[in-house]
Amino acid sequence: MEFPADGERIAKFLARSGVASRRDSEKLIEAGRIKVNGKVLTTPAFKVTAKDTVLFDNAPIADKEPPRLWRYHKPAGLVTSHKDEQGRETVFEALPQDLGRVISVGRLDITSEGLLLLTNDGELARALELPSTGWQRKYRARAYGKTTQADLDKLKAGIKIDGIPTGPIEAELERQTGDNCWIAVTLREGKNREVRRALDTLGLKVNRLIRISYGPFQLGGISKGEVEEVKQRILRQQVGHLVDIPEYVPKPKGQRMGKPKRGTHASAKRFAKEAKPAPTGRGKFAHKPKGKAQGKPSGKPRSPSQGRRK
């Protein structure tokens, strides 16, 4: 890994190494989990060079892998955190074990579902989260209450939540069904629970929230709990102007991963299907003897002369 001539801030180094985002790297330092040259690091105000040995949980940090990105369909009920103080199951505990260590691009709260981008590169995560990147985040919200398009248009100029102004929020009424309505919401910043709190100012209580896209990346047909890697060629096209993405190298098929620990991996299902035993003589294509169709046995032994042509 290349370093600037005057060294690199430890948090940035850890982010580039894929250990964690810069913010989470500072938390790792505070927790005493980072060592430099055998000594526990106590401050993030520290620069490292190529001559320094950096350890994370007493293990050397591996050479940085090329940036990778995955689309994950987060189910409701999972916390977007590596560790939850209340003991609730996290997104990262539910991911396939062979995915390796990844971090999320932004968050979805525990009751929200839909598209969550995952990456092995902290710098990529930070670049995609920055408001200056200008990427739209699109949601579908189901909310309790009744509204009109005129009411929703009040969000276009932005509002204040707890005294803090938001950016423009585009909201389109899709349909009203009884006491609930479905609303398509588009924003570019995505502050903490912004969609829920913005609709709350209109007297609407969101009871289901699904993120369907983040910038150019769509949720598509990924099932709940599934994760699928973005091809390197596409990643380079979409984010190559934000971070350095190596030249595209074709990879074998099979990028799609099955559901996590909770379900059966798709390849296992295919294997089970292929491993079914051969037909046992029943069914449409079962072998039948030539001549008359077999009927029930009469119970009487056939004499040697029976059945001979006269």
C-alpha atoms as a PDB file:
ATOM      1  CA  MET A   1       0.000   0.000   0.000  1.00  0.00           C
ATOM      2  CA  GLU A   2       1.353   3.419  -0.966  1.00  0.00           C
ATOM      3  CA  PHE A   3       1.721   6.170   1.645  1.00  0.00           C
ATOM      4  CA  PRO A   4       2.083   9.952   1.298  1.00  0.00           C
ATOM      5  CA  ALA A   5       5.599  11.205   1.837  1.00  0.00           C
ATOM      6  CA  ASP A   6       4.731  12.660   5.250  1.00  0.00           C
ATOM      7  CA  GLY A   7       2.688   9.636   6.370  1.00  0.00           C
ATOM      8  CA  GLU A   8      -1.045   9.063   6.582  1.00  0.00           C
ATOM      9  CA  ARG A   9      -3.586   9.561   9.359  1.00  0.00           C
ATOM     10  CA  ILE A  10      -4.238   6.266  11.075  1.00  0.00           C
ATOM     11  CA  ALA A  11      -8.029   6.484  10.620  1.00  0.00           C
ATOM     12  CA  LYS A  12      -7.644   7.026   6.885  1.00  0.00           C
ATOM     13  CA  PHE A  13      -5.146   4.163   6.676  1.00  0.00           C
ATOM     14  CA  LEU A  14      -7.576   1.811   8.454  1.00  0.00           C
ATOM     15  CA  ALA A  15     -10.395   2.922   6.172  1.00  0.00           C
ATOM     16  CA  ARG A  16      -8.300   2.344   3.050  1.00  0.00           C
ATOM     17  CA  SER A  17      -7.377  -1.090   4.398  1.00  0.00           C
ATOM     18  CA  GLY A  18     -11.041  -2.030   4.688  1.00  0.00           C
ATOM     19  CA  VAL A  19     -10.946  -2.377   8.475  1.00  0.00           C
ATOM     20  CA  ALA A  20     -13.686   0.183   9.119  1.00  0.00           C
ATOM     21  CA  SER A  21     -14.883   3.621   8.122  1.00  0.00           C
ATOM     22  CA  ARG A  22     -12.905   6.601   9.446  1.00  0.00           C
ATOM     23  CA  ARG A  23     -15.472   7.259  12.157  1.00  0.00           C
ATOM     24  CA  ASP A  24     -15.558   3.616  13.264  1.00  0.00           C
ATOM     25  CA  SER A  25     -11.752   3.456  13.075  1.00  0.00           C
ATOM     26  CA  GLU A  26     -11.575   6.216  15.679  1.00  0.00           C
ATOM     27  CA  LYS A  27     -13.856   4.129  17.905  1.00  0.00           C
ATOM     28  CA  LEU A  28     -11.527   1.132  17.483  1.00  0.00           C
ATOM     29  CA  ILE A  29      -8.613   3.304  18.574  1.00  0.00           C
ATOM     30  CA  GLU A  30     -10.551   4.519  21.633  1.00  0.00           C
ATOM     31  CA  ALA A  31     -11.286   0.879  22.509  1.00  0.00           C
ATOM     32  CA  GLY A  32      -7.555   0.046  22.431  1.00  0.00           C
ATOM     33  CA  ARG A  33      -7.873  -2.414  19.558  1.00  0.00           C
ATOM     34  CA  ILE A  34      -5.209  -0.811  17.340  1.00  0.00           C
ATOM     35  CA  LYS A  35      -1.480  -1.221  17.924  1.00  0.00           C
ATOM     36  CA  VAL A  36       1.389   0.503  16.117  1.00  0.00           C
ATOM     37  CA  ASN A  37       4.832  -1.055  16.431  1.00  0.00           C
ATOM     38  CA  GLY A  38       3.694  -3.126  19.406  1.00  0.00           C
ATOM     39  CA  LYS A  39       2.145  -0.264  21.401  1.00  0.00           C
ATOM     40  CA  VAL A  40      -1.574   0.369  21.896  1.00  0.00           C
ATOM     41  CA  LEU A  41      -2.585   3.513  20.063  1.00  0.00           C
ATOM     42  CA  THR A  42      -4.462   5.993  22.257  1.00  0.00           C
ATOM     43  CA  THR A  43      -5.222   8.834  19.848  1.00  0.00           C
ATOM     44  CA  PRO A  44      -6.415   9.080  16.234  1.00  0.00           C
ATOM     45  CA  ALA A  45      -4.123  12.098  15.777  1.00  0.00           C
ATOM     46  CA  PHE A  46      -1.314   9.845  14.590  1.00  0.00           C
ATOM     47  CA  LYS A  47       0.295   9.254  11.209  1.00  0.00           C
ATOM     48  CA  VAL A  48       1.708   5.967   9.957  1.00  0.00           C
ATOM     49  CA  THR A  49       4.233   5.259   7.228  1.00  0.00           C
ATOM     50  CA  ALA A  50       5.265   2.198   5.257  1.00  0.00           C
ATOM     51  CA  LYS A  51       7.846   1.392   7.974  1.00  0.00           C
ATOM     52  CA  ASP A  52       5.212   1.052  10.729  1.00  0.00           C
ATOM     53  CA  THR A  53       3.573  -2.226  11.731  1.00  0.00           C
ATOM     54  CA  VAL A  54      -0.122  -1.813  12.436  1.00  0.00           C
ATOM     55  CA  LEU A  55      -2.151  -4.489  14.209  1.00  0.00           C
ATOM     56  CA  PHE A  56      -5.916  -4.795  14.546  1.00  0.00           C
ATOM     57  CA  ASP A  57      -6.929  -7.047  17.461  1.00  0.00           C
ATOM     58  CA  ASN A  58      -3.284  -8.232  17.533  1.00  0.00           C
ATOM     59  CA  ALA A  59      -3.451  -9.420  13.913  1.00  0.00           C
ATOM     60  CA  PRO A  60      -1.535  -7.800  11.041  1.00  0.00           C
ATOM     61  CA  ILE A  61      -3.664  -5.836   8.606  1.00  0.00           C
ATOM     62  CA  ALA A  62      -3.639  -7.576   5.261  1.00  0.00           C
ATOM     63  CA  ASP A  63      -2.735  -5.785   2.054  1.00  0.00           C
ATOM     64  CA  LYS A  64      -5.617  -3.784   0.714  1.00  0.00           C
ATOM     65  CA  GLU A  65      -7.886  -5.617  -1.706  1.00  0.00           C
ATOM     66  CA  PRO A  66      -9.377  -3.837  -4.718  1.00  0.00           C
ATOM     67  CA  PRO A  67     -12.600  -2.008  -3.795  1.00  0.00           C
ATOM     68  CA  ARG A  68     -15.683  -4.194  -4.094  1.00  0.00           C
ATOM     69  CA  LEU A  69     -19.368  -3.403  -3.696  1.00  0.00           C
ATOM     70  CA  TRP A  70     -22.401  -5.574  -2.953  1.00  0.00           C
ATOM     71  CA  ARG A  71     -26.154  -4.978  -3.082  1.00  0.00           C
ATOM     72  CA  TYR A  72     -27.956  -6.458  -0.090  1.00  0.00           C
ATOM     73  CA  HIS A  73     -31.695  -6.737   0.499  1.00  0.00           C
ATOM     74  CA  LYS A  74     -31.931  -5.959   4.189  1.00  0.00           C
ATOM     75  CA  PRO A  75     -34.948  -7.463   5.943  1.00  0.00           C
ATOM     76  CA  ALA A  76     -36.699  -5.572   8.718  1.00  0.00           C
ATOM     77  CA  GLY A  77     -35.576  -6.538  12.218  1.00  0.00           C
ATOM     78  CA  LEU A  78     -31.790  -6.319  11.713  1.00  0.00           C
ATOM     79  CA  VAL A  79     -29.549  -3.586  13.136  1.00  0.00           C
ATOM     80  CA  THR A  80     -27.091  -1.947  10.725  1.00  0.00           C
ATOM     81  CA  SER A  81     -24.165  -2.216  13.108  1.00  0.00           C
ATOM     82  CA  HIS A  82     -21.263  -4.587  13.703  1.00  0.00           C
ATOM     83  CA  LYS A  83     -22.264  -4.938  17.348  1.00  0.00           C
ATOM     84  CA  ASP A  84     -25.462  -4.028  19.150  1.00  0.00           C
ATOM     85  CA  GLU A  85     -25.421  -3.079  22.835  1.00  0.00           C
ATOM     86  CA  GLN A  86     -28.931  -4.479  23.303  1.00  0.00           C
ATOM     87  CA  GLY A  87     -27.986  -7.870  21.878  1.00  0.00           C
ATOM     88  CA  ARG A  88     -30.195  -7.587  18.785  1.00  0.00           C
ATOM     89  CA  GLU A  89     -29.186  -9.434  15.626  1.00  0.00           C
ATOM     90  CA  THR A  90     -27.150  -7.326  13.226  1.00  0.00           C
ATOM     91  CA  VAL A  91     -26.914  -7.187   9.457  1.00  0.00           C
ATOM     92  CA  PHE A  92     -23.329  -8.412   9.596  1.00  0.00           C
ATOM     93  CA  GLU A  93     -24.205 -11.457  11.684  1.00  0.00           C
ATOM     94  CA  ALA A  94     -26.823 -12.463   9.131  1.00  0.00           C
ATOM     95  CA  LEU A  95     -24.572 -12.125   6.058  1.00  0.00           C
ATOM     96  CA  PRO A  96     -22.991 -15.184   4.410  1.00  0.00           C
ATOM     97  CA  GLN A  97     -19.787 -16.134   6.230  1.00  0.00           C
ATOM     98  CA  ASP A  98     -17.729 -16.276   3.028  1.00  0.00           C
ATOM     99  CA  LEU A  99     -18.386 -12.588   2.320  1.00  0.00           C
ATOM    100  CA  GLY A 100     -15.545 -11.474   4.598  1.00  0.00           C
ATOM    101  CA  ARG A 101     -15.431  -8.217   6.532  1.00  0.00           C
ATOM    102  CA  VAL A 102     -17.528  -5.476   4.955  1.00  0.00           C
ATOM    103  CA  ILE A 103     -18.969  -2.138   6.043  1.00  0.00           C
ATOM    104  CA  SER A 104     -22.225  -0.508   5.055  1.00  0.00           C
ATOM    105  CA  VAL A 105     -22.700   2.569   2.915  1.00  0.00           C
ATOM    106  CA  GLY A 106     -25.004   4.561   5.155  1.00  0.00           C
ATOM    107  CA  ARG A 107     -27.575   2.809   7.316  1.00  0.00           C
ATOM    108  CA  LEU A 108     -31.123   1.581   7.447  1.00  0.00           C
ATOM    109  CA  ASP A 109     -32.818   1.578  10.837  1.00  0.00           C
ATOM    110  CA  ILE A 110     -34.009  -1.666  12.395  1.00  0.00           C
ATOM    111  CA  THR A 111     -37.569  -1.446  11.060  1.00  0.00           C
ATOM    112  CA  SER A 112     -36.560  -0.357   7.542  1.00  0.00           C
ATOM    113  CA  GLU A 113     -35.849  -2.756   4.698  1.00  0.00           C
ATOM    114  CA  GLY A 114     -34.585  -2.753   1.143  1.00  0.00           C
ATOM    115  CA  LEU A 115     -31.308  -1.859  -0.558  1.00  0.00           C
ATOM    116  CA  LEU A 116     -28.203  -1.581   1.606  1.00  0.00           C
ATOM    117  CA  LEU A 117     -24.853  -1.209  -0.148  1.00  0.00           C
ATOM    118  CA  LEU A 118     -21.883  -3.054   1.374  1.00  0.00           C
ATOM    119  CA  THR A 119     -18.199  -2.587   0.594  1.00  0.00           C
ATOM    120  CA  ASN A 120     -14.792  -3.792   1.712  1.00  0.00           C
ATOM    121  CA  ASP A 121     -13.354  -0.279   1.253  1.00  0.00           C
ATOM    122  CA  GLY A 122     -13.808   2.483   3.813  1.00  0.00           C
ATOM    123  CA  GLU A 123     -12.846   5.252   1.394  1.00  0.00           C
ATOM    124  CA  LEU A 124     -15.456   4.065  -1.088  1.00  0.00           C
ATOM    125  CA  ALA A 125     -18.107   3.992   1.643  1.00  0.00           C
ATOM    126  CA  ARG A 126     -17.253   7.535   2.703  1.00  0.00           C
ATOM    127  CA  ALA A 127     -17.302   8.826  -0.887  1.00  0.00           C
ATOM    128  CA  LEU A 128     -20.738   7.343  -1.567  1.00  0.00           C
ATOM    129  CA  GLU A 129     -22.169   8.792   1.662  1.00  0.00           C
ATOM    130  CA  LEU A 130     -21.041  12.378   1.086  1.00  0.00           C
ATOM    131  CA  PRO A 131     -23.867  14.812   0.198  1.00  0.00           C
ATOM    132  CA  SER A 132     -21.500  16.355  -2.351  1.00  0.00           C
ATOM    133  CA  THR A 133     -21.704  13.130  -4.356  1.00  0.00           C
ATOM    134  CA  GLY A 134     -25.325  14.104  -4.989  1.00  0.00           C
ATOM    135  CA  TRP A 135     -26.742  10.612  -5.338  1.00  0.00           C
ATOM    136  CA  GLN A 136     -30.480  10.176  -4.971  1.00  0.00           C
ATOM    137  CA  ARG A 137     -31.877   7.684  -2.462  1.00  0.00           C
ATOM    138  CA  LYS A 138     -35.362   6.458  -3.375  1.00  0.00           C
ATOM    139  CA  TYR A 139     -37.860   4.887  -0.988  1.00  0.00           C
ATOM    140  CA  ARG A 140     -41.395   3.562  -0.944  1.00  0.00           C
ATOM    141  CA  ALA A 141     -43.178   4.401   2.288  1.00  0.00           C
ATOM    142  CA  ARG A 142     -46.466   3.098   3.604  1.00  0.00           C
ATOM    143  CA  ALA A 143     -47.912   5.487   6.139  1.00  0.00           C
ATOM    144  CA  TYR A 144     -50.973   5.588   8.354  1.00  0.00           C
ATOM    145  CA  GLY A 145     -53.064   8.658   7.646  1.00  0.00           C
ATOM    146  CA  LYS A 146     -54.542  10.543   4.747  1.00  0.00           C
ATOM    147  CA  THR A 147     -52.816  13.157   2.625  1.00  0.00           C
ATOM    148  CA  THR A 148     -52.894  14.906  -0.729  1.00  0.00           C
ATOM    149  CA  GLN A 149     -50.260  15.645  -3.329  1.00  0.00           C
ATOM    150  CA  ALA A 150     -50.528  19.323  -2.413  1.00  0.00           C
ATOM    151  CA  ASP A 151     -49.517  18.498   1.179  1.00  0.00           C
ATOM    152  CA  LEU A 152     -46.586  16.368   0.009  1.00  0.00           C
ATOM    153  CA  ASP A 153     -45.366  19.147  -2.294  1.00  0.00           C
ATOM    154  CA  LYS A 154     -44.644  21.224   0.824  1.00  0.00           C
ATOM    155  CA  LEU A 155     -41.544  19.058   1.350  1.00  0.00           C
ATOM    156  CA  LYS A 156     -39.952  20.079  -1.952  1.00  0.00           C
ATOM    157  CA  ALA A 157     -38.317  23.179  -0.517  1.00  0.00           C
ATOM    158  CA  GLY A 158     -36.973  21.256   2.474  1.00  0.00           C
ATOM    159  CA  ILE A 159     -38.136  21.526   6.072  1.00  0.00           C
ATOM    160  CA  LYS A 160     -36.638  21.857   9.529  1.00  0.00           C
ATOM    161  CA  ILE A 161     -36.413  18.841  11.810  1.00  0.00           C
ATOM    162  CA  ASP A 162     -35.381  19.697  15.374  1.00  0.00           C
ATOM    163  CA  GLY A 163     -34.238  23.065  14.052  1.00  0.00           C
ATOM    164  CA  ILE A 164     -31.958  21.499  11.408  1.00  0.00           C
ATOM    165  CA  PRO A 165     -32.880  22.188   7.759  1.00  0.00           C
ATOM    166  CA  THR A 166     -33.121  19.286   5.319  1.00  0.00           C
ATOM    167  CA  GLY A 167     -32.499  19.291   1.619  1.00  0.00           C
ATOM    168  CA  PRO A 168     -35.347  19.081  -0.893  1.00  0.00           C
ATOM    169  CA  ILE A 169     -37.590  16.040  -0.419  1.00  0.00           C
ATOM    170  CA  GLU A 170     -39.659  14.865  -3.362  1.00  0.00           C
ATOM    171  CA  ALA A 171     -42.762  12.906  -2.350  1.00  0.00           C
ATOM    172  CA  GLU A 172     -45.361  11.524  -4.731  1.00  0.00           C
ATOM    173  CA  LEU A 173     -48.648  10.024  -3.615  1.00  0.00           C
ATOM    174  CA  GLU A 174     -48.994   6.622  -5.276  1.00  0.00           C
ATOM    175  CA  ARG A 175     -52.312   5.527  -3.805  1.00  0.00           C
ATOM    176  CA  GLN A 176     -54.561   5.818  -0.776  1.00  0.00           C
ATOM    177  CA  THR A 177     -55.931   2.518   0.545  1.00  0.00           C
ATOM    178  CA  GLY A 178     -58.246   2.925   3.478  1.00  0.00           C
ATOM    179  CA  ASP A 179     -56.343   4.510   6.350  1.00  0.00           C
ATOM    180  CA  ASN A 180     -52.945   3.889   4.735  1.00  0.00           C
ATOM    181  CA  CYS A 181     -51.221   5.503   1.787  1.00  0.00           C
ATOM    182  CA  TRP A 182     -48.188   4.561  -0.311  1.00  0.00           C
ATOM    183  CA  ILE A 183     -45.742   7.368  -1.073  1.00  0.00           C
ATOM    184  CA  ALA A 184     -42.647   7.430  -3.321  1.00  0.00           C
ATOM    185  CA  VAL A 185     -39.923   9.513  -1.637  1.00  0.00           C
ATOM    186  CA  THR A 186     -36.666  10.798  -3.146  1.00  0.00           C
ATOM    187  CA  LEU A 187     -33.917  12.646  -1.273  1.00  0.00           C
ATOM    188  CA  ARG A 188     -30.193  13.240  -1.579  1.00  0.00           C
ATOM    189  CA  GLU A 189     -28.915  13.531   1.993  1.00  0.00           C
ATOM    190  CA  GLY A 190     -30.550  10.834   4.092  1.00  0.00           C
ATOM    191  CA  LYS A 191     -30.167  12.126   7.641  1.00  0.00           C
ATOM    192  CA  ASN A 192     -31.143   9.880  10.551  1.00  0.00           C
ATOM    193  CA  ARG A 193     -34.763   8.717  10.059  1.00  0.00           C
ATOM    194  CA  GLU A 194     -35.339  11.651   7.705  1.00  0.00           C
ATOM    195  CA  VAL A 195     -38.159  10.062   5.687  1.00  0.00           C
ATOM    196  CA  ARG A 196     -40.125   9.055   8.783  1.00  0.00           C
ATOM    197  CA  ARG A 197     -39.654  12.395  10.501  1.00  0.00           C
ATOM    198  CA  ALA A 198     -40.460  14.415   7.381  1.00  0.00           C
ATOM    199  CA  LEU A 199     -43.756  12.604   6.808  1.00  0.00           C
ATOM    200  CA  ASP A 200     -44.494  12.873  10.512  1.00  0.00           C
ATOM    201  CA  THR A 201     -44.638  16.673  10.110  1.00  0.00           C
ATOM    202  CA  LEU A 202     -47.614  16.061   7.791  1.00  0.00           C
ATOM    203  CA  GLY A 203     -49.377  13.875  10.334  1.00  0.00           C
ATOM    204  CA  LEU A 204     -48.365  10.616   8.623  1.00  0.00           C
ATOM    205  CA  LYS A 205     -46.980   7.675  10.634  1.00  0.00           C
ATOM    206  CA  VAL A 206     -44.707   5.483   8.527  1.00  0.00           C
ATOM    207  CA  ASN A 207     -45.310   1.792   9.242  1.00  0.00           C
ATOM    208  CA  ARG A 208     -43.221   0.360   6.418  1.00  0.00           C
ATOM    209  CA  LEU A 209     -40.202   1.821   4.636  1.00  0.00           C
ATOM    210  CA  ILE A 210     -38.358   0.225   1.716  1.00  0.00           C
ATOM    211  CA  ARG A 211     -35.270   1.695   0.051  1.00  0.00           C
ATOM    212  CA  ILE A 212     -35.406   0.789  -3.631  1.00  0.00           C
ATOM    213  CA  SER A 213     -32.292   2.551  -4.942  1.00  0.00           C
ATOM    214  CA  TYR A 214     -29.104   4.309  -3.909  1.00  0.00           C
ATOM    215  CA  GLY A 215     -27.652   6.370  -6.740  1.00  0.00           C
ATOM    216  CA  PRO A 216     -27.380   4.184  -9.860  1.00  0.00           C
ATOM    217  CA  PHE A 217     -27.712   0.950  -7.891  1.00  0.00           C
ATOM    218  CA  GLN A 218     -31.167  -0.623  -7.730  1.00  0.00           C
ATOM    219  CA  LEU A 219     -32.703  -3.173  -5.366  1.00  0.00           C
ATOM    220  CA  GLY A 220     -34.076  -5.006  -8.381  1.00  0.00           C
ATOM    221  CA  GLY A 221     -35.228  -8.574  -7.898  1.00  0.00           C
ATOM    222  CA  ILE A 222     -32.923  -9.503  -5.036  1.00  0.00           C
ATOM    223  CA  SER A 223     -34.873 -11.494  -2.459  1.00  0.00           C
ATOM    224  CA  LYS A 224     -34.861 -10.547   1.218  1.00  0.00           C
ATOM    225  CA  GLY A 225     -31.606 -11.621   2.849  1.00  0.00           C
ATOM    226  CA  GLU A 226     -29.772 -12.083  -0.463  1.00  0.00           C
ATOM    227  CA  VAL A 227     -26.564 -10.288  -1.401  1.00  0.00           C
ATOM    228  CA  GLU A 228     -25.171  -9.823  -4.899  1.00  0.00           C
ATOM    229  CA  GLU A 229     -21.830  -8.335  -5.912  1.00  0.00           C
ATOM    230  CA  VAL A 230     -21.691  -5.455  -8.364  1.00  0.00           C
ATOM    231  CA  LYS A 231     -19.506  -6.435 -11.288  1.00  0.00           C
ATOM    232  CA  GLN A 232     -16.124  -4.735 -11.293  1.00  0.00           C
ATOM    233  CA  ARG A 233     -16.688  -3.280 -14.752  1.00  0.00           C
ATOM    234  CA  ILE A 234     -19.928  -1.612 -13.644  1.00  0.00           C
ATOM    235  CA  LEU A 235     -18.346  -0.435 -10.398  1.00  0.00           C
ATOM    236  CA  ARG A 236     -15.550   1.230 -12.330  1.00  0.00           C
ATOM    237  CA  GLN A 237     -18.039   2.946 -14.646  1.00  0.00           C
ATOM    238  CA  GLN A 238     -20.162   4.288 -11.797  1.00  0.00           C
ATOM    239  CA  VAL A 239     -17.643   5.251  -9.092  1.00  0.00           C
ATOM    240  CA  GLY A 240     -14.285   5.351 -10.868  1.00  0.00           C
ATOM    241  CA  HIS A 241     -14.391   9.158 -10.687  1.00  0.00           C
ATOM    242  CA  LEU A 242     -14.685   9.007  -6.872  1.00  0.00           C
ATOM    243  CA  VAL A 243     -12.085   6.386  -5.922  1.00  0.00           C
ATOM    244  CA  ASP A 244      -9.417   4.434  -7.737  1.00  0.00           C
ATOM    245  CA  ILE A 245     -10.921   1.220  -9.159  1.00  0.00           C
ATOM    246  CA  PRO A 246      -8.498  -1.227 -10.835  1.00  0.00           C
ATOM    247  CA  GLU A 247      -9.019  -2.213 -14.440  1.00  0.00           C
ATOM    248  CA  TYR A 248     -11.808  -4.693 -14.968  1.00  0.00           C
ATOM    249  CA  VAL A 249     -10.700  -8.331 -14.805  1.00  0.00           C
ATOM    250  CA  PRO A 250     -13.336 -10.887 -15.875  1.00  0.00           C
ATOM    251  CA  LYS A 251     -14.354 -13.232 -13.066  1.00  0.00           C
ATOM    252  CA  PRO A 252     -16.015 -16.634 -13.251  1.00  0.00           C
ATOM    253  CA  LYS A 253     -19.760 -16.797 -12.983  1.00  0.00           C
ATOM    254  CA  GLY A 254     -21.402 -17.348  -9.627  1.00  0.00           C
ATOM    255  CA  GLN A 255     -21.229 -13.825  -8.195  1.00  0.00           C
ATOM    256  CA  ARG A 256     -24.696 -14.238  -6.759  1.00  0.00           C
ATOM    257  CA  MET A 257     -24.702 -15.474  -3.215  1.00  0.00           C
ATOM    258  CA  GLY A 258     -27.538 -17.325  -1.608  1.00  0.00           C
ATOM    259  CA  LYS A 259     -29.477 -16.350   1.442  1.00  0.00           C
ATOM    260  CA  PRO A 260     -27.522 -16.068   4.704  1.00  0.00           C
ATOM    261  CA  LYS A 261     -27.441 -18.473   7.604  1.00  0.00           C
ATOM    262  CA  ARG A 262     -31.187 -18.388   8.067  1.00  0.00           C
ATOM    263  CA  GLY A 263     -32.005 -20.078   4.759  1.00  0.00           C
ATOM    264  CA  THR A 264     -30.634 -22.690   2.406  1.00  0.00           C
ATOM    265  CA  HIS A 265     -28.005 -21.565  -0.061  1.00  0.00           C
ATOM    266  CA  ALA A 266     -29.277 -21.543  -3.639  1.00  0.00           C
ATOM    267  CA  SER A 267     -26.494 -23.871  -4.798  1.00  0.00           C
ATOM    268  CA  ALA A 268     -27.444 -26.338  -2.086  1.00  0.00           C
ATOM    269  CA  LYS A 269     -30.998 -26.341  -3.383  1.00  0.00           C
ATOM    270  CA  ARG A 270     -29.766 -27.023  -6.902  1.00  0.00           C
ATOM    271  CA  PHE A 271     -27.559 -29.814  -5.638  1.00  0.00           C
ATOM    272  CA  ALA A 272     -30.465 -31.389  -3.768  1.00  0.00           C
ATOM    273  CA  LYS A 273     -32.558 -31.228  -6.897  1.00  0.00           C
ATOM    274  CA  GLU A 274     -29.847 -32.816  -9.033  1.00  0.00           C
ATOM    275  CA  ALA A 275     -29.240 -35.517  -6.436  1.00  0.00           C
ATOM    276  CA  LYS A 276     -32.809 -36.859  -6.528  1.00  0.00           C
ATOM    277  CA  PRO A 277     -32.919 -40.611  -7.250  1.00  0.00           C
ATOM    278  CA  ALA A 278     -33.950 -41.850 -10.682  1.00  0.00           C
ATOM    279  CA  PRO A 279     -37.631 -42.742 -11.316  1.00  0.00           C
ATOM    280  CA  THR A 280     -38.650 -46.045  -9.762  1.00  0.00           C
ATOM    281  CA  GLY A 281     -41.078 -47.171 -12.446  1.00  0.00           C
ATOM    282  CA  ARG A 282     -43.936 -44.806 -11.776  1.00  0.00           C
ATOM    283  CA  GLY A 283     -45.032 -41.747 -13.662  1.00  0.00           C
ATOM    284  CA  LYS A 284     -45.685 -40.763 -17.223  1.00  0.00           C
ATOM    285  CA  PHE A 285     -42.472 -42.157 -18.689  1.00  0.00           C
ATOM    286  CA  ALA A 286     -42.224 -45.328 -16.593  1.00  0.00           C
ATOM    287  CA  HIS A 287     -41.336 -48.495 -18.511  1.00  0.00           C
ATOM    288  CA  LYS A 288     -44.303 -50.738 -19.330  1.00  0.00           C
ATOM    289  CA  PRO A 289     -44.098 -54.275 -20.685  1.00  0.00           C
ATOM    290  CA  LYS A 290     -45.214 -54.856 -24.241  1.00  0.00           C
ATOM    291  CA  GLY A 291     -48.582 -56.372 -24.941  1.00  0.00           C
ATOM    292  CA  LYS A 292     -51.628 -56.087 -22.705  1.00  0.00           C
ATOM    293  CA  ALA A 293     -51.527 -53.641 -19.878  1.00  0.00           C
ATOM    294  CA  GLN A 294     -50.922 -55.304 -16.598  1.00  0.00           C
ATOM    295  CA  GLY A 295     -54.008 -55.805 -14.504  1.00  0.00           C
ATOM    296  CA  LYS A 296     -54.639 -57.241 -11.112  1.00  0.00           C
ATOM    297  CA  PRO A 297     -53.530 -60.857 -10.714  1.00  0.00           C
ATOM    298  CA  SER A 298     -56.473 -63.290 -10.970  1.00  0.00           C
ATOM    299  CA  GLY A 299     -55.169 -65.501  -8.219  1.00  0.00           C
ATOM    300  CA  LYS A 300     -55.405 -68.646 -10.402  1.00  0.00           C
ATOM    301  CA  PRO A 301     -52.196 -70.244 -11.677  1.00  0.00           C
ATOM    302  CA  ARG A 302     -51.924 -70.296 -15.455  1.00  0.00           C
ATOM    303  CA  SER A 303     -51.601 -73.715 -17.087  1.00  0.00           C
ATOM    304  CA  PRO A 304     -48.811 -74.302 -19.599  1.00  0.00           C
ATOM    305  CA  SER A 305     -51.362 -74.427 -22.421  1.00  0.00           C
ATOM    306  CA  GLN A 306     -52.974 -71.143 -21.596  1.00  0.00           C
ATOM    307  CA  GLY A 307     -52.109 -68.219 -23.767  1.00  0.00           C
ATOM    308  CA  ARG A 308     -50.920 -70.360 -26.718  1.00  0.00           C
ATOM    309  CA  ARG A 309     -52.110 -69.403 -30.161  1.00  0.00           C
ATOM    310  CA  LYS A 310     -54.470 -72.018 -31.573  1.00  0.00           C
END
